[in-house]
Protein backbone atom coordinates (compact mmCIF):
# COMPACT_ATOMS: atom_id res chain seq x y z
CA MET A 1 54.88 -52.87 0.47
CA PRO A 2 54.21 -51.45 -2.40
CA ALA A 3 50.60 -52.21 -2.46
CA ARG A 4 50.52 -50.52 1.27
CA VAL A 5 52.08 -47.78 -0.02
CA ALA A 6 49.90 -47.09 -2.58
CA THR A 7 46.71 -47.36 -0.29
CA THR A 8 47.77 -45.18 2.44
CA SER A 9 48.35 -42.64 -0.72
CA LEU A 10 45.07 -42.83 -1.71
CA VAL A 11 43.55 -42.71 1.98
CA SER A 12 45.76 -39.25 2.40
CA GLU A 13 44.42 -37.90 -1.04
CA GLY A 14 41.07 -38.49 0.07
CA SER A 15 41.89 -37.27 3.42
CA ARG A 16 42.64 -34.11 1.81
CA LYS A 17 39.97 -33.83 -0.46
CA ALA A 18 37.48 -34.22 2.41
CA THR A 19 39.46 -31.33 4.11
CA ARG A 20 39.78 -29.06 1.51
CA GLY A 21 35.79 -29.60 0.92
CA ARG A 22 34.89 -28.73 4.66
CA ARG A 23 37.27 -25.55 4.20
CA GLN A 24 34.68 -24.74 1.27
CA LEU A 25 31.93 -25.09 2.55
CA LEU A 26 32.96 -23.20 5.54
CA PHE A 27 33.93 -20.44 3.11
CA LEU A 28 30.91 -20.32 1.27
CA ALA A 29 29.16 -20.42 4.45
CA SER A 30 30.93 -17.41 6.13
CA ILE A 31 30.41 -15.36 2.85
CA LEU A 32 26.63 -16.47 2.43
CA PHE A 33 25.82 -15.44 6.28
CA SER A 34 27.84 -11.90 5.85
CA ALA A 35 25.61 -11.32 2.68
CA VAL A 36 22.51 -12.38 4.53
CA ALA A 37 23.41 -10.20 7.69
CA ALA A 38 24.62 -7.02 5.19
CA SER A 39 21.24 -7.49 3.49
CA LEU A 40 19.35 -7.82 6.43
CA LEU A 41 21.18 -4.20 7.66
CA ILE A 42 20.87 -2.32 4.37
CA LEU A 43 17.02 -3.10 4.07
CA LYS A 44 16.26 -1.91 7.65
CA ALA A 45 18.53 1.44 6.81
CA ALA A 46 20.01 2.37 3.54
CA PRO A 47 18.03 4.55 0.77
CA ALA A 48 17.56 2.48 -2.39
CA PRO A 49 18.04 -0.78 -0.01
CA PHE A 50 17.62 -3.34 -3.17
CA PHE A 51 19.90 -1.62 -5.38
CA TRP A 52 22.71 -1.58 -2.41
CA VAL A 53 21.54 -5.68 -1.62
CA LEU A 54 22.08 -6.85 -5.11
CA LEU A 55 25.16 -5.00 -5.21
CA THR A 56 26.27 -6.70 -1.77
CA TRP A 57 25.22 -10.31 -3.32
CA GLY A 58 26.89 -9.45 -6.89
CA THR A 59 30.40 -8.38 -4.89
CA VAL A 60 30.15 -11.87 -2.41
CA LEU A 61 29.16 -14.05 -5.54
CA PHE A 62 32.42 -12.85 -7.40
CA VAL A 63 34.39 -13.09 -4.32
CA GLY A 64 33.37 -16.74 -3.51
CA MET A 65 35.21 -17.47 -6.53
CA PHE A 66 38.54 -17.18 -5.82
CA GLY A 67 37.49 -19.57 -2.38
CA VAL A 68 36.05 -22.63 -4.16
CA HIS A 69 37.85 -25.17 -6.74
CA GLY A 70 36.32 -26.59 -9.58
CA SER A 71 35.26 -24.64 -12.69
CA TRP A 72 31.65 -25.50 -12.69
CA LEU A 73 31.03 -24.08 -9.10
CA ARG A 74 33.58 -21.13 -10.26
CA ALA A 75 30.77 -20.59 -13.54
CA ILE A 76 28.09 -21.15 -11.27
CA LEU A 77 29.39 -17.90 -8.91
CA LEU A 78 30.22 -16.11 -11.80
CA ASN A 79 26.91 -16.54 -13.63
CA LEU A 80 24.89 -15.56 -10.38
CA GLY A 81 27.51 -12.87 -10.04
CA ILE A 82 26.56 -11.18 -12.89
CA VAL A 83 22.97 -11.61 -12.79
CA ALA A 84 22.87 -10.13 -9.16
CA ILE A 85 24.83 -6.83 -10.61
CA LEU A 86 22.36 -6.86 -14.03
CA LEU A 87 19.43 -6.88 -11.37
CA ALA A 88 21.17 -3.79 -9.58
CA VAL A 89 21.58 -1.51 -12.61
CA ALA A 90 18.15 -2.53 -13.26
CA GLU A 91 16.96 -1.36 -9.33
CA ALA A 92 19.09 1.80 -9.56
CA TYR A 93 17.65 2.68 -13.46
CA PHE A 94 14.06 2.17 -11.54
CA PHE A 95 14.66 3.71 -8.58
CA ILE A 96 15.89 6.89 -10.09
CA HIS A 97 12.83 7.36 -12.80
CA GLU A 98 10.15 6.38 -10.38
CA TYR A 99 7.18 8.76 -9.74
CA THR A 100 6.50 9.10 -6.09
CA ALA A 101 3.11 10.69 -5.29
CA PRO A 102 3.29 14.06 -3.48
CA ILE A 103 1.95 14.27 0.20
CA PHE A 104 -1.24 15.84 0.59
CA SER A 105 -2.83 17.14 3.82
CA ASP A 106 -5.33 14.49 5.29
CA ASN A 107 -8.67 16.43 4.76
CA PHE A 108 -7.53 16.36 1.10
CA TYR A 109 -8.72 13.33 -0.66
CA LEU A 110 -12.77 12.22 -0.28
CA ARG A 111 -14.53 9.18 -1.61
CA ASP A 112 -17.29 10.35 -4.11
CA ASP A 113 -19.91 8.02 -4.91
CA VAL A 114 -20.41 9.41 -8.47
CA LEU A 115 -16.43 10.73 -9.41
CA GLY A 116 -14.88 7.65 -7.38
CA TRP A 117 -12.68 10.44 -5.27
CA ALA A 118 -12.45 14.01 -5.15
CA PRO A 119 -11.13 17.12 -2.82
CA ALA A 120 -13.36 18.15 -0.08
CA LYS A 121 -14.49 21.60 -0.80
CA GLY A 122 -13.98 24.78 0.84
CA ILE A 123 -10.69 23.89 2.08
CA GLU A 124 -6.97 25.02 1.43
CA ALA A 125 -5.25 21.39 1.09
CA HIS A 126 -1.15 21.62 1.43
CA ALA A 127 0.87 19.60 -1.14
CA PHE A 128 4.40 18.61 -0.67
CA LYS A 129 6.88 16.66 -2.72
CA ALA A 130 10.72 16.04 -2.03
CA GLY A 131 13.14 16.34 -4.95
CA PRO A 132 14.42 12.92 -6.51
CA ALA A 133 16.22 10.51 -4.07
CA GLY A 134 19.40 9.24 -4.44
CA LEU A 135 21.59 6.02 -4.29
CA PHE A 136 23.69 7.50 -1.68
CA HIS A 137 21.34 9.43 0.36
CA GLY A 138 17.66 10.10 0.95
CA PRO A 139 15.63 12.60 -1.16
CA ALA A 140 17.50 15.86 -2.42
CA GLY A 141 15.76 19.48 -1.56
CA VAL A 142 11.98 19.84 -2.13
CA LEU A 143 10.07 19.79 -5.26
CA PHE A 144 7.09 22.09 -4.46
CA ASP A 145 5.74 22.62 -1.59
CA VAL A 146 2.10 24.77 -1.97
CA ASN A 147 -1.50 25.23 -1.01
CA TYR A 148 -4.16 24.13 -3.39
CA THR A 149 -7.50 26.00 -2.66
CA ILE A 150 -10.37 24.21 -3.43
CA ASP A 151 -13.97 26.01 -3.73
CA SER A 152 -17.38 25.37 -2.61
CA ASN A 153 -18.62 23.28 -5.34
CA GLY A 154 -14.92 21.16 -5.18
CA LEU A 155 -13.10 23.02 -7.74
CA ARG A 156 -9.78 24.44 -8.19
CA ALA A 157 -9.63 28.39 -7.43
CA ALA A 158 -10.43 30.25 -10.62
CA PRO A 159 -9.63 34.11 -11.12
CA PRO A 160 -11.83 36.82 -10.80
CA TRP A 161 -14.31 37.52 -14.21
CA ARG A 162 -16.07 40.54 -14.94
CA LYS A 163 -19.78 40.49 -15.15
CA ASP A 164 -20.42 43.21 -17.20
CA ASP A 165 -18.20 42.45 -19.56
CA LEU A 166 -18.05 38.76 -20.13
CA ALA A 167 -16.64 37.37 -23.58
CA GLY A 168 -17.62 33.93 -22.60
CA THR A 169 -17.11 30.99 -20.53
CA VAL A 170 -14.87 27.77 -20.67
CA LEU A 171 -14.71 24.51 -19.23
CA PHE A 172 -11.58 22.61 -18.56
CA PHE A 173 -11.42 18.49 -17.72
CA GLY A 174 -8.64 16.40 -17.17
CA CYS A 175 -6.18 14.69 -14.65
CA SER A 176 -3.49 16.35 -12.62
CA PHE A 177 -1.39 18.57 -15.78
CA THR A 178 -5.20 20.42 -15.83
CA PHE A 179 -5.91 20.67 -11.94
CA GLY A 180 -2.08 21.88 -11.54
CA GLU A 181 -0.10 19.17 -9.60
CA GLY A 182 2.95 21.47 -7.91
CA LEU A 183 1.47 24.30 -8.70
CA LYS A 184 0.40 27.76 -6.94
CA ASP A 185 -3.55 28.51 -7.36
CA ASP A 186 -2.74 31.26 -10.13
CA GLN A 187 -0.65 29.15 -12.06
CA THR A 188 -3.01 26.15 -13.27
CA LEU A 189 -4.12 26.26 -17.06
CA PRO A 190 -7.49 27.29 -16.47
CA TYR A 191 -6.41 30.11 -13.88
CA GLN A 192 -3.93 31.41 -16.24
CA VAL A 193 -6.49 32.03 -19.30
CA GLY A 194 -8.91 33.71 -17.07
CA ALA A 195 -6.18 35.75 -15.82
CA GLN A 196 -4.42 36.56 -18.88
CA SER A 197 -7.84 37.45 -20.65
CA GLY A 198 -8.49 40.06 -17.83
CA GLY A 199 -11.63 38.36 -16.68
CA ARG A 200 -13.17 38.63 -19.82
CA TYR A 201 -13.17 34.85 -19.76
CA ARG A 202 -14.22 32.80 -17.00
CA THR A 203 -12.80 29.21 -16.49
CA PHE A 204 -14.04 26.30 -14.53
CA ASN A 205 -11.09 23.62 -13.71
CA PHE A 206 -13.24 20.12 -13.53
CA ALA A 207 -9.72 18.19 -13.43
CA PHE A 208 -8.49 16.45 -10.51
CA GLU A 209 -5.80 14.19 -9.70
CA ALA A 210 -5.54 10.66 -11.40
CA TYR A 211 -8.94 11.56 -13.53
CA GLY A 212 -9.78 10.32 -16.65
CA PRO A 213 -12.05 10.58 -19.31
CA ALA A 214 -14.43 8.76 -17.36
CA GLN A 215 -14.83 11.66 -14.70
CA MET A 216 -15.24 13.68 -17.72
CA LEU A 217 -18.18 11.90 -18.79
CA ALA A 218 -19.68 11.31 -15.28
CA GLU A 219 -19.37 14.98 -14.22
CA ILE A 220 -21.52 15.97 -17.16
CA GLU A 221 -24.15 12.81 -17.07
CA HIS A 222 -24.61 13.31 -13.01
CA GLY A 223 -25.66 17.01 -14.10
CA MET A 224 -22.26 18.35 -12.17
CA VAL A 225 -21.66 20.68 -14.49
CA ARG A 226 -24.68 21.84 -14.83
CA ARG A 227 -25.30 22.52 -11.16
CA VAL A 228 -22.09 24.20 -11.28
CA VAL A 229 -21.64 26.21 -14.37
CA ASP A 230 -24.17 29.65 -14.42
CA THR A 231 -23.16 31.25 -17.15
CA THR A 232 -23.31 29.77 -20.96
CA PRO A 233 -20.17 28.17 -21.81
CA ARG A 234 -18.70 28.89 -25.21
CA TYR A 235 -15.66 26.51 -25.19
CA ALA A 236 -14.64 22.72 -23.75
CA PHE A 237 -11.13 21.76 -23.32
CA HIS A 238 -10.26 18.15 -22.32
CA VAL A 239 -6.51 18.17 -21.75
CA ALA A 240 -5.41 14.66 -22.34
CA ILE A 241 -2.79 12.54 -22.04
CA PRO A 242 -1.94 9.07 -23.57
CA ASN A 243 -2.20 7.60 -19.83
CA HIS A 244 -5.99 8.54 -20.11
CA VAL A 245 -6.53 5.54 -22.20
CA TRP A 246 -5.48 2.93 -19.59
CA ARG A 247 -7.58 5.15 -16.83
CA VAL A 248 -10.79 4.31 -18.68
CA ALA A 249 -10.20 1.00 -19.33
CA GLY A 250 -9.69 0.48 -15.68
CA ARG A 251 -6.00 -0.65 -16.36
CA THR A 252 -4.10 1.37 -13.80
CA ALA A 253 -2.77 0.29 -10.36
CA TRP A 254 -5.42 3.23 -8.81
CA GLY A 255 -8.81 1.79 -10.30
CA GLY A 256 -10.56 2.36 -7.32
CA HIS A 257 -13.93 3.49 -7.06
CA ALA A 258 -13.62 4.99 -10.61
CA PRO A 259 -16.60 5.42 -13.03
CA ARG A 260 -16.77 2.36 -15.35
CA TYR A 261 -17.70 2.64 -18.91
CA VAL A 262 -18.29 0.09 -21.68
CA LEU A 263 -18.69 0.30 -25.57
CA ASP A 264 -21.98 -0.84 -26.97
CA ALA A 265 -22.13 -2.90 -30.45
CA ASP A 266 -23.36 0.55 -32.49
CA GLY A 267 -20.27 2.15 -30.56
CA THR A 268 -21.95 3.93 -27.96
CA VAL A 269 -20.98 3.72 -24.15
CA HIS A 270 -22.83 3.68 -21.05
CA GLN A 271 -22.00 3.21 -17.67
CA ALA A 272 -21.74 -0.33 -16.03
CA GLY A 273 -20.84 0.24 -12.53
CA TYR A 274 -17.75 1.20 -11.31
CA PHE A 275 -14.41 -0.33 -11.62
CA GLY A 276 -13.20 -2.54 -8.12
CA ASN A 277 -9.58 -1.74 -6.62
CA ARG A 278 -7.22 -3.63 -8.32
CA ARG A 279 -4.80 -6.01 -5.98
CA PRO A 280 -1.13 -5.88 -6.01
CA LEU A 281 0.81 -8.47 -7.86
CA ALA A 282 2.02 -9.97 -4.42
CA GLU A 283 -1.81 -10.07 -3.20
CA ARG A 284 -2.63 -11.93 -6.72
CA PHE A 285 -0.05 -14.83 -6.49
CA GLY A 286 -1.14 -15.37 -2.83
CA ILE A 287 2.04 -13.91 -1.28
CA ARG A 288 1.48 -12.81 2.47
CA ARG A 289 5.46 -12.92 3.98
CA GLY A 290 7.72 -10.30 2.87
CA VAL A 291 5.82 -7.92 0.73
CA GLU A 292 6.54 -5.50 2.97
CA GLN A 293 10.23 -5.89 2.03
CA LEU A 294 9.73 -6.22 -1.38
CA ASN A 295 8.07 -3.26 -1.66
CA LYS A 296 11.04 -1.32 -0.65
CA SER A 297 12.31 -2.34 -4.42
CA ALA A 298 11.78 -0.18 -6.79
CA MET A 299 11.68 -2.66 -9.35
CA TRP A 300 9.00 -4.65 -7.74
CA ARG A 301 6.68 -1.61 -7.39
CA ASP A 302 6.58 -1.26 -11.28
CA LEU A 303 6.38 -5.03 -11.65
CA SER A 304 3.10 -5.45 -8.77
CA MET A 305 1.05 -1.80 -9.69
CA GLY A 306 2.43 -1.33 -13.08
CA ASP A 307 -0.24 -0.34 -16.22
CA SER A 308 -1.29 -4.00 -18.19
CA ARG A 309 -1.15 -3.45 -22.32
CA ILE A 310 -3.99 -2.05 -23.72
CA THR A 311 -5.83 -2.80 -27.04
CA GLY A 312 -7.78 -1.66 -29.78
CA ASP A 313 -10.67 -2.12 -27.48
CA ASP A 314 -9.56 0.19 -24.77
CA ILE A 315 -8.47 2.89 -27.66
CA ARG A 316 -12.08 2.70 -29.29
CA LEU A 317 -13.63 2.91 -25.88
CA TYR A 318 -11.66 5.89 -24.86
CA PHE A 319 -12.53 7.67 -28.03
CA ALA A 320 -16.28 7.08 -27.45
CA VAL A 321 -16.38 8.40 -23.92
CA VAL A 322 -14.97 11.45 -25.17
CA ARG A 323 -17.31 11.74 -28.30
CA ARG A 324 -20.04 10.95 -25.61
CA SER A 325 -18.57 13.89 -23.62
CA GLN A 326 -19.04 16.43 -26.56
CA GLU A 327 -22.16 15.28 -27.72
CA LEU A 328 -24.00 15.95 -24.10
CA LEU A 329 -22.22 19.49 -23.92
CA THR A 330 -22.72 20.73 -27.26
CA ALA A 331 -26.36 19.46 -26.58
CA GLN A 332 -26.76 21.20 -23.20
CA TYR A 333 -24.70 24.16 -24.51
CA PRO A 334 -25.78 25.33 -27.88
CA GLY A 335 -22.79 26.67 -30.38
CA LEU A 336 -20.23 25.12 -27.51
CA GLN A 337 -17.01 24.26 -28.88
CA PHE A 338 -14.98 21.29 -27.77
CA HIS A 339 -11.47 21.05 -28.26
CA VAL A 340 -8.62 18.66 -27.20
CA ILE A 341 -5.39 19.36 -25.59
CA LEU A 342 -2.89 16.62 -25.88
CA TRP A 343 0.35 15.87 -24.44
CA PRO A 344 3.04 13.55 -25.86
CA ASN A 345 4.53 11.78 -22.93
CA GLN A 346 7.30 11.02 -24.81
CA HIS A 347 9.37 9.24 -22.27
CA VAL A 348 7.60 6.19 -22.10
CA ALA A 349 7.85 4.18 -25.60
CA GLN A 350 4.45 2.38 -24.72
CA GLN A 351 2.61 5.64 -24.60
CA ARG A 352 4.42 7.37 -27.25
CA ALA A 353 2.60 4.99 -29.60
CA THR A 354 -0.84 5.59 -27.70
CA TYR A 355 -0.28 9.15 -28.57
CA GLU A 356 0.07 8.94 -31.94
CA LYS A 357 -2.75 6.41 -32.09
CA LEU A 358 -4.96 9.52 -30.21
CA ARG A 359 -3.53 11.86 -32.34
CA ASP A 360 -4.76 10.29 -35.49
CA GLY A 361 -7.56 9.33 -34.14
CA PHE A 362 -8.90 12.78 -32.91
CA ARG A 363 -8.47 14.25 -36.78
CA ARG A 364 -10.51 11.18 -38.05
CA MET A 365 -12.99 12.40 -35.49
CA GLY A 366 -13.10 15.88 -36.68
CA ILE A 367 -12.84 16.87 -33.07
CA PRO A 368 -10.28 20.54 -32.70
CA LEU A 369 -6.83 19.09 -31.50
CA HIS A 370 -4.06 20.85 -30.30
CA LEU A 371 -0.76 19.19 -29.65
CA VAL A 372 1.49 20.51 -27.11
CA GLU A 373 4.69 19.55 -29.00
CA ASP A 374 3.43 22.03 -31.61
CA ILE A 375 2.69 25.09 -29.03
CA LEU A 376 5.47 25.01 -26.81
CA PRO A 377 8.61 26.10 -28.38
CA GLY A 378 11.44 23.33 -28.52
CA TYR A 379 9.31 20.95 -26.62
CA SER A 380 10.05 17.83 -28.90
CA GLY A 381 13.52 18.47 -28.32
CA ASP A 382 14.03 19.39 -24.90
CA ARG A 383 11.09 19.28 -22.66
CA THR A 384 12.95 20.18 -19.69
CA PRO A 385 12.43 23.75 -19.45
CA TYR A 386 8.15 22.89 -19.42
CA ILE A 387 8.47 20.09 -16.74
CA LEU A 388 8.57 20.43 -12.91
CA GLY A 389 11.52 18.12 -12.80
CA SER A 390 13.47 14.78 -13.41
CA SER A 391 11.33 13.10 -11.52
CA ASP A 392 8.11 14.61 -12.14
CA HIS A 393 6.66 15.37 -15.62
CA HIS A 394 3.83 17.28 -14.77
CA PRO A 395 3.89 21.04 -16.45
CA ASN A 396 4.99 23.75 -14.86
CA ALA A 397 4.22 27.41 -14.49
CA LEU A 398 5.81 28.34 -17.79
CA ALA A 399 3.89 25.45 -19.64
CA ASP A 400 0.48 26.62 -18.38
CA ARG A 401 1.18 30.10 -19.53
CA LEU A 402 2.21 29.54 -22.99
CA LEU A 403 -0.44 27.50 -23.33
CA ALA A 404 -3.05 29.78 -21.88
CA GLN A 405 -1.55 32.69 -24.12
CA TYR A 406 -2.07 29.71 -27.16
CA ILE A 407 -5.77 29.35 -26.25
CA LEU A 408 -6.77 32.75 -25.73
CA SER A 409 -4.58 34.37 -29.37
CA LYS A 410 -5.32 31.16 -31.56
CA VAL A 411 -8.57 29.16 -30.25
CA VAL A 412 -10.91 31.69 -28.31
CA GLN A 413 -12.08 34.80 -30.14
């Protein structure tokens, strides 16, 4: 009799465990199904969807701990939940701090066989950018809504100049910082230099969106500067940012058809064709499905299209391209003074280190160097008065106006 009772007890205990196991699996399946369904809805409609997806999964995993038995399973769910929450925090950070490009008129950008890309000539293009996006809603307000006037030479509009009393001509080379992203025609640095001089200095703005030193050198080597400039330049300014090193080395996400320069053994450079388009990380690993959904993640966009690390050779190439540009300009225009204005980009640690290398390198090269953080009052402590906004660190109208005052009072004579 006792043996029969023991056997019955064992069967009953086994049955209870099996029932508990089925309930546990059913519970886990139900909450996982709910998480998947919620994720699909979030991906379809919510702003910053991956933040909410990860937050949802973190919550589900934590709730799942209370519906399962066994310390090892609870530990797994706990750790997975912590990972999901940490990833949600990271996604929020990348989303809030992500740079988004403006929306331009359809006729603004053109492929250019020499420079890679250039604005259409003789147009007035429209540029629009919404304010920073939020986790709970879409973009807030308007960051800028301006028109860009492009002249018949493909350059940003310049102010009137005095033919009867011309003190000199000034050339500007650079990227969107110099072109004047988000600014009206009369707010850009080259325009302000000409306007504040009362037209006694004529200015040419050879800068454009996403350009680097390679475009500056190509504009000079291919005769574009000589064809456009019909008065003798006295000054040339290369307005530099640390990211130009990545651009001249072809280590950016938008390489495209940009001119490719290589460093020779003697330290000089020559053009070796053009960079090809850089494929996103998803394509490089052969991932085809789900890429469209992954691109909704700010973290994924940063990882798949982010800039790679630069090397000492990239730094040397950058200096060689700038040096060659200076040599060609001073040979074409004897007496021309070539200057560099350097922005720090302090908000990116890696670029800050590159900035210091550029600063020290230009000083060793003997090229006149002007540091923005020494020119704009209080810039090193708080740059917010001089940028377009928290989500866009391009210089605003105040920054360009003060830089123009500095150039006219401290550089040109």
